[in-house]
Every structure is written in C-alpha cells, then in structure tokens.
Protein backbone atom coordinates (compact mmCIF):
# COMPACT_ATOMS: atom_id res chain seq x y z
CA MET A 1 1.73 15.97 -23.14
CA SER A 2 3.43 13.33 -25.33
CA GLN A 3 2.93 9.66 -24.68
CA ALA A 4 5.48 8.19 -22.26
CA GLN A 5 7.41 5.04 -23.09
CA ARG A 6 6.68 3.16 -19.92
CA ARG A 7 9.08 0.30 -19.25
CA ARG A 8 7.44 -3.14 -18.95
CA VAL A 9 9.31 -5.31 -16.45
CA SER A 10 8.89 -9.02 -15.72
CA LEU A 11 10.23 -9.76 -12.23
CA PRO A 12 11.09 -13.45 -11.88
CA LEU A 13 10.29 -15.38 -8.73
CA ASP A 14 13.55 -15.37 -6.76
CA LEU A 15 13.89 -17.07 -3.37
CA HIS A 16 17.21 -15.37 -2.65
CA LEU A 17 17.03 -12.64 0.00
CA GLY A 18 19.25 -9.99 -1.51
CA ARG A 19 19.68 -7.79 1.55
CA ARG A 20 20.17 -8.27 5.26
CA ARG A 21 17.57 -6.83 7.59
CA PRO A 22 18.22 -3.09 7.95
CA GLN A 23 19.13 -1.92 11.43
CA LEU A 24 16.76 1.04 11.42
CA GLU A 25 14.68 2.31 14.28
CA VAL A 26 10.94 1.67 14.03
CA VAL A 27 8.78 3.41 16.62
CA ARG A 28 5.13 2.54 17.21
CA HIS A 29 2.74 5.30 18.26
CA THR A 30 -0.84 5.15 19.49
CA LEU A 31 -2.72 8.03 17.84
CA ARG A 32 -5.69 9.84 19.37
CA PRO A 33 -6.77 12.67 17.04
CA ALA A 34 -9.37 15.00 18.54
CA GLY A 35 -12.84 13.47 18.32
CA LEU A 36 -11.62 10.23 16.72
CA PRO A 37 -10.96 6.76 18.13
CA LYS A 38 -7.37 5.65 18.60
CA LEU A 39 -5.30 3.80 16.02
CA ASP A 40 -1.67 2.67 15.92
CA ALA A 41 1.06 3.94 13.64
CA MET A 42 4.67 3.09 12.83
CA ILE A 43 7.52 5.37 11.80
CA ALA A 44 10.80 3.99 10.46
CA SER A 45 13.71 6.42 10.36
CA PRO A 46 17.05 6.14 8.52
CA ALA A 47 20.04 8.03 9.89
CA ASP A 48 19.79 11.02 7.53
CA PRO A 49 16.31 11.07 5.96
CA VAL A 50 15.89 12.88 2.65
CA GLY A 51 12.10 12.99 2.77
CA VAL A 52 9.02 11.02 3.76
CA LEU A 53 7.41 7.93 2.28
CA PHE A 54 3.74 7.40 3.13
CA TYR A 55 2.97 3.68 3.14
CA PHE A 56 -0.69 2.68 2.86
CA PRO A 57 -1.14 -1.01 3.81
CA GLY A 58 -3.59 -3.61 2.61
CA PHE A 59 -6.78 -5.02 4.06
CA ASN A 60 -6.55 -6.71 7.47
CA THR A 61 -3.02 -5.50 8.28
CA PRO A 62 -2.05 -5.54 11.96
CA LEU A 63 1.02 -3.52 12.91
CA GLY A 64 3.82 -5.54 14.44
CA PRO A 65 7.18 -7.16 13.57
CA TRP A 66 6.04 -8.17 10.05
CA GLU A 67 5.03 -4.68 8.94
CA GLY A 68 7.90 -3.17 10.91
CA ALA A 69 10.38 -5.13 8.79
CA LYS A 70 8.71 -3.92 5.60
CA CYS A 71 8.98 -0.35 6.84
CA GLN A 72 12.67 -0.87 7.50
CA TYR A 73 13.26 -1.97 3.91
CA LEU A 74 11.25 0.90 2.48
CA ALA A 75 13.25 3.33 4.62
CA GLU A 76 16.60 1.79 3.65
CA VAL A 77 15.90 1.69 -0.08
CA THR A 78 14.61 5.27 -0.24
CA SER A 79 16.56 6.90 2.65
CA MET A 80 13.18 8.35 3.64
CA GLN A 81 11.25 8.23 6.88
CA VAL A 82 8.36 5.80 6.45
CA VAL A 83 4.96 6.62 7.96
CA LEU A 84 2.39 3.83 8.29
CA THR A 85 -0.95 3.83 10.10
CA GLU A 86 -3.62 1.24 10.64
CA ILE A 87 -6.56 1.67 8.28
CA PRO A 88 -9.59 3.34 9.91
CA GLY A 89 -12.19 0.66 10.55
CA MET A 90 -9.54 -2.08 10.68
CA SER A 91 -7.53 -1.55 13.85
CA ARG A 92 -6.58 -3.66 16.85
CA TYR A 93 -8.93 -1.44 18.86
CA GLY A 94 -11.99 -2.37 16.81
CA ALA A 95 -13.38 1.15 16.36
CA PRO A 96 -15.94 1.27 13.50
CA ILE A 97 -15.84 3.60 10.52
CA PRO A 98 -17.90 6.72 11.32
CA ARG A 99 -21.42 6.54 9.86
CA PRO A 100 -21.10 9.45 7.39
CA VAL A 101 -17.85 7.99 6.03
CA ARG A 102 -19.38 4.53 5.80
CA ALA A 103 -22.40 5.89 3.95
CA ASP A 104 -20.09 7.49 1.40
CA MET A 105 -18.20 4.22 0.98
CA LEU A 106 -21.42 2.25 0.49
CA ARG A 107 -22.00 4.47 -2.56
CA GLY A 108 -18.61 3.36 -3.88
CA HIS A 109 -16.69 6.53 -2.94
CA VAL A 110 -13.33 6.44 -1.16
CA GLY A 111 -12.80 10.20 -0.62
CA SER A 112 -14.08 10.63 2.94
CA TRP A 113 -12.34 7.43 4.06
CA ALA A 114 -9.07 8.80 2.68
CA GLU A 115 -9.66 12.11 4.50
CA LEU A 116 -10.19 10.21 7.74
CA ASN A 117 -6.97 8.27 7.16
CA LEU A 118 -5.11 11.51 6.48
CA ALA A 119 -6.19 12.84 9.88
CA TYR A 120 -4.32 9.92 11.45
CA ILE A 121 -1.32 10.35 9.17
CA SER A 122 -1.08 14.02 10.14
CA THR A 123 -1.24 13.05 13.82
CA ALA A 124 1.46 10.41 13.24
CA MET A 125 3.72 13.06 11.72
CA ASP A 126 3.19 15.24 14.78
CA ALA A 127 3.95 12.29 17.07
CA GLY A 128 7.14 11.56 15.14
CA ARG A 129 8.04 15.27 14.94
CA ILE A 130 8.16 15.10 11.16
CA VAL A 131 7.81 18.46 9.46
CA HIS A 132 6.14 18.75 6.09
CA PRO A 133 8.76 17.17 3.84
CA GLU A 134 10.82 18.61 1.03
CA THR A 135 10.05 15.53 -1.03
CA MET A 136 7.71 12.55 -0.77
CA GLN A 137 7.00 9.11 -2.13
CA VAL A 138 3.56 7.50 -1.79
CA PHE A 139 3.29 3.71 -1.66
CA GLY A 140 0.15 1.57 -1.51
CA TYR A 141 -0.62 -2.14 -1.49
CA SER A 142 -4.06 -3.55 -2.37
CA THR A 143 -6.70 -1.61 -0.40
CA GLY A 144 -3.99 0.91 0.41
CA CYS A 145 -3.70 1.78 -3.28
CA SER A 146 -7.19 3.29 -3.18
CA LEU A 147 -6.47 5.31 -0.05
CA ALA A 148 -3.07 6.44 -1.35
CA THR A 149 -4.41 7.67 -4.67
CA ALA A 150 -7.38 9.48 -3.11
CA ALA A 151 -5.03 11.15 -0.60
CA LEU A 152 -2.71 12.61 -3.26
CA PRO A 153 -4.34 16.07 -3.59
CA VAL A 154 -3.90 16.71 0.14
CA LEU A 155 -0.43 15.19 0.32
CA ALA A 156 0.61 17.42 -2.60
CA GLN A 157 -0.15 20.42 -0.42
CA TRP A 158 2.38 19.17 2.13
CA GLY A 159 5.28 18.98 -0.32
CA PRO A 160 6.37 17.77 -3.77
CA ILE A 161 5.55 14.13 -4.56
CA GLU A 162 8.33 12.32 -6.43
CA GLY A 163 6.21 9.33 -7.27
CA LEU A 164 3.16 7.17 -6.67
CA ASN A 165 3.79 3.43 -6.31
CA LEU A 166 0.89 0.97 -6.48
CA VAL A 167 1.21 -2.76 -5.81
CA GLU A 168 -1.81 -4.89 -6.69
CA PRO A 169 -4.42 -2.13 -7.05
CA VAL A 170 -7.89 -3.66 -6.82
CA ALA A 171 -10.41 -0.86 -7.49
CA ILE A 172 -9.43 -0.40 -11.14
CA GLY A 173 -12.26 -2.43 -12.67
CA LYS A 174 -15.93 -2.66 -11.78
CA ARG A 175 -17.31 -5.96 -10.46
CA ASN A 176 -20.00 -7.05 -8.04
CA ILE A 177 -19.39 -8.03 -4.42
CA ALA A 178 -19.84 -11.72 -5.18
CA SER A 179 -17.10 -11.59 -7.84
CA LEU A 180 -14.82 -9.64 -5.51
CA TYR A 181 -15.33 -12.30 -2.83
CA ALA A 182 -14.63 -15.12 -5.31
CA HIS A 183 -11.47 -13.43 -6.54
CA ASN A 184 -10.33 -12.89 -2.95
CA VAL A 185 -10.87 -16.57 -2.13
CA ALA A 186 -8.86 -17.56 -5.21
CA ASP A 187 -5.94 -15.37 -4.16
CA LEU A 188 -6.09 -16.53 -0.55
CA GLY A 189 -5.53 -20.03 -1.93
CA ARG A 190 -2.18 -18.78 -3.26
CA PHE A 191 -1.20 -17.25 0.09
CA PRO A 192 0.64 -20.35 1.46
CA PHE A 193 2.98 -20.37 -1.53
CA SER A 194 3.86 -16.69 -0.99
CA LEU A 195 4.63 -17.37 2.66
CA ALA A 196 6.69 -20.45 1.74
CA THR A 197 9.13 -18.24 -0.19
CA ASN A 198 10.31 -16.94 3.21
CA ILE A 199 11.40 -20.38 4.44
CA GLY A 200 15.14 -20.55 5.00
CA HIS A 201 15.41 -16.90 5.99
CA GLY A 202 15.55 -17.12 9.77
CA TRP A 203 14.88 -13.56 10.79
CA VAL A 204 11.94 -13.31 8.37
CA MET A 205 10.27 -16.37 9.88
CA LYS A 206 11.00 -15.03 13.36
CA ALA A 207 9.25 -11.77 12.45
CA TYR A 208 6.29 -13.74 11.08
CA ARG A 209 5.99 -15.81 14.25
CA GLY A 210 6.20 -12.60 16.28
CA GLN A 211 3.46 -11.06 14.17
CA ARG A 212 1.15 -13.98 14.91
CA ARG A 213 1.39 -13.11 18.61
CA GLU A 214 0.18 -9.56 17.92
CA PRO A 215 -3.54 -8.68 18.24
CA ASN A 216 -5.45 -8.99 14.99
CA VAL A 217 -7.37 -6.06 13.55
CA LYS A 218 -11.13 -6.05 14.12
CA TYR A 219 -13.92 -4.92 11.82
CA GLY A 220 -17.69 -5.20 11.65
CA VAL A 221 -19.87 -6.71 8.94
CA VAL A 222 -21.24 -3.36 7.73
CA ASP A 223 -17.74 -1.86 7.56
CA LEU A 224 -16.59 -4.93 5.64
CA LEU A 225 -19.41 -4.38 3.15
CA ALA A 226 -18.46 -0.70 2.81
CA ILE A 227 -14.81 -1.56 2.15
CA GLY A 228 -15.84 -4.25 -0.32
CA THR A 229 -18.09 -1.78 -2.15
CA VAL A 230 -15.16 0.61 -2.59
CA LEU A 231 -12.87 -2.16 -3.82
CA ALA A 232 -15.48 -3.48 -6.26
CA SER A 233 -15.70 -0.07 -7.96
CA GLU A 234 -13.50 1.73 -10.50
CA GLU A 235 -12.89 4.57 -8.06
CA LEU A 236 -9.11 4.19 -7.94
CA GLY A 237 -8.81 4.44 -11.71
CA ALA A 238 -11.03 7.53 -11.76
CA HIS A 239 -8.91 9.27 -9.10
CA LEU A 240 -5.72 8.28 -10.91
CA ASP A 241 -6.94 9.95 -14.10
CA GLN A 242 -7.57 13.21 -12.22
CA VAL A 243 -4.28 13.72 -10.36
CA GLU A 244 -1.04 15.24 -11.59
CA LEU A 245 1.85 12.79 -11.31
CA ALA A 246 5.57 13.15 -11.97
CA ARG A 247 5.99 9.38 -11.98
CA CYS A 248 3.90 6.30 -11.27
CA ALA A 249 5.12 2.72 -10.80
CA ILE A 250 2.56 -0.08 -10.83
CA ALA A 251 2.92 -3.79 -10.12
CA ARG A 252 0.83 -6.95 -10.04
CA GLY A 253 1.33 -10.67 -9.57
CA ALA A 254 1.03 -12.71 -12.76
CA LYS A 255 -1.43 -15.08 -11.06
CA SER A 256 -3.49 -12.39 -9.29
CA SER A 257 -7.27 -12.62 -9.43
CA LEU A 258 -7.96 -9.43 -7.45
CA CYS A 259 -5.79 -7.25 -9.72
CA ARG A 260 -6.93 -8.44 -13.11
CA ARG A 261 -4.55 -8.22 -16.05
CA ALA A 262 -6.97 -6.49 -18.44
CA ASP A 263 -7.73 -3.74 -15.87
CA PHE A 264 -4.04 -3.40 -15.05
CA ASP A 265 -3.12 -3.00 -18.72
CA LEU A 266 -5.73 -0.27 -19.12
CA VAL A 267 -4.17 1.65 -16.21
CA ASP A 268 -0.75 1.29 -17.81
CA ALA A 269 -2.09 2.53 -21.15
CA SER A 270 -3.77 5.51 -19.51
CA LEU A 271 -0.56 6.50 -17.71
CA ALA A 272 1.40 6.19 -20.96
CA ALA A 273 -1.14 8.29 -22.88
CA ARG A 274 -0.83 11.03 -20.24
CA GLY A 275 2.96 11.04 -20.52
CA ILE A 276 3.53 9.70 -17.00
CA PRO A 277 6.74 7.64 -16.78
CA GLY A 278 7.56 4.74 -14.49
CA PRO A 279 7.87 0.97 -14.67
CA THR A 280 4.94 -1.39 -15.11
CA ILE A 281 5.96 -4.58 -13.32
CA THR A 282 4.61 -8.13 -13.39
CA VAL A 283 5.86 -10.51 -10.70
CA GLU A 284 6.01 -14.00 -12.11
CA GLY A 285 4.70 -17.01 -10.20
CA LEU A 286 2.75 -15.16 -7.50
CA GLY A 287 -0.74 -13.76 -7.01
CA HIS A 288 -2.20 -10.94 -4.94
CA GLN A 289 -0.36 -12.01 -1.77
CA LEU A 290 3.07 -11.29 -3.27
CA TRP A 291 3.58 -8.53 -0.68
CA HIS A 292 4.00 -11.26 1.96
CA SER A 293 7.03 -12.75 0.19
CA PHE A 294 10.09 -10.92 1.51
CA PRO A 295 12.43 -11.97 -1.34
CA THR A 296 9.81 -10.61 -3.75
CA LEU A 297 9.17 -7.52 -1.66
CA ILE A 298 12.83 -6.52 -1.72
CA GLY A 299 13.20 -6.89 -5.48
CA LEU A 300 9.89 -5.15 -6.09
CA VAL A 301 10.62 -2.17 -3.85
CA GLU A 302 14.00 -1.63 -5.48
CA ALA A 303 12.51 -1.88 -8.98
CA MET A 304 9.71 0.55 -8.17
CA LEU A 305 11.53 3.11 -6.07
CA THR A 306 15.05 3.20 -7.51
CA ASP A 307 14.30 2.75 -11.20
CA PRO A 308 15.21 6.02 -12.99
CA VAL A 309 12.56 8.06 -14.75
CA ASP A 310 12.16 6.74 -18.30
C-alpha cells in the first residue's frame, strides 16, 4: 500500500458556537446483560439514520445532559444513530470490573475489557432496536480511544466501518503510573479554561448545571490501578497497527500532557506509512480536556467526520 498524504490541520480556538442545539431524541437505557451488573446507555437518533456511530467516552464520564448534548451533535453531523454506554467499572451503580478482566488489565492488556464493553453495546443495540448497520463510524475520546480501537475486529463483523476517530488517545506511548498521574494532574489544571469557553452559551451552561445534579460514576482503587495500567501502556498503538482501516482521523490539544506530541506524531506517521487517509488535527490553546469545550467539540467533530477522504 502506498503512503497516504494525511492532511495536517490546525484548529484555532474559537469561542463561537457555530450550531444551535440539535432537536434530536436521546433515550437513556439501563442495561442488564445476562450475568453482568447493570450499566446505563444513551442512544441519539436522527430522523432518517444512515448508519450507527459507536461513541466510546473518556474516564469518569457520567451519562446525563452533558453527554446527551454531545450525542445529539454527533448524530446531527453524521446523520447516524449514536450509541454510548458507561464504561464497565466506572458506572453510577459502582459495579467493579470482573476479576479476570481486571487481571488482564493489570498486565497492560485492554482486550477483555473491550469485550466486556461490547457486551453492553450489543445489549444497548437490542434495547434501541438497532439492527446491525449497513455502515458505521467509531469515535473515542481519551480512555475511550483504547476501548474503541480494541473493539474494531468485533465491530467489523457487524458491518462496514467507514472510519475510526480518536480524540486525545492516551495509550500510545509507554510511561509509568507516576508519570501518568503527573500528566493527568497537569491537564486537570487546564480543565477550568476548557469549561470557560462555554460561558455565554446559555443552553450549554444549563446542560452542565444539569449534569452536576446527576450521580457521579463510582470506581474502586484496584480498578483505578487497572485502568491506569492500560493507559500507561502502548496497547492502543499496537492494536491500531493490527487493524484494517479505511480511514482514521486523530486529534489532540496543543497543550495536552496526556496525549504527548511525540507519541501522536508517531501514530500519524504509522497511519501515513500504511496508506490510511484522514486528517491529523491539533486544537490550539487547549489540553486534554478539549472535549468539554462545546465550541471546540463542534468544530472538531465536523473536521473529523465530514472531511473527505484525502
């Protein structure tokens, strides 16, 4: 396969909210797969869906008005039904990660965790009466990038995947837990600025206040260590090198500590060498928490999901 000319995009920090909130239905489901603890899911549906977008969220993501609004935008931009579940081990119900899965994660492997997540996604599709789609997009943010990439071989059996979209992938460069923690603290320090970009957009702030009234996700110390071990590995990059992709869009914040520029550039180079097209995007002025800036989110989603194949 010839080397692809991947387009490098610099997305400026823009406080203008380019779209109104979509008026799309978002339905929350409580999932109870056989033999597994319950988790919540969301499904956003446009009027005439052309496929399904699987959205894998980041660490510590409760489902509520904030994530519901993101699902609405993803559904509007793509005209696809959006399926989102809580991450196993990080739900409002506080159920721990099963021991065999946790043991695998403590060795730095994400595969069994992704399989567990797929069990919930499959149940969510049943709950939403979604048949295996004619076409799919896969979208991950932060921790969700690892789960999304590891899930691709199974998702590919459900239907053709148009593209993989990764925002702020973390597990693309090896580091120790202490470094991961330090990088997380650095990016959390940039969180208030990301949130401040939403000021002046009334419905966004209303959704954020509504989210704060929702139950937080719960997780135990050992599960936190297992998740950290996965994120401190190079597992995502290894999985990415092994899967067949028609297109892959990747994005990071210019100030991100968790998604380091050198690691990010290596992923871009690997995709180019394999002939995989798609934009490589840097969001100026923001760090890892860019996904909590709605003006940024809208521009980023449109750049990743509507940009034509190079």
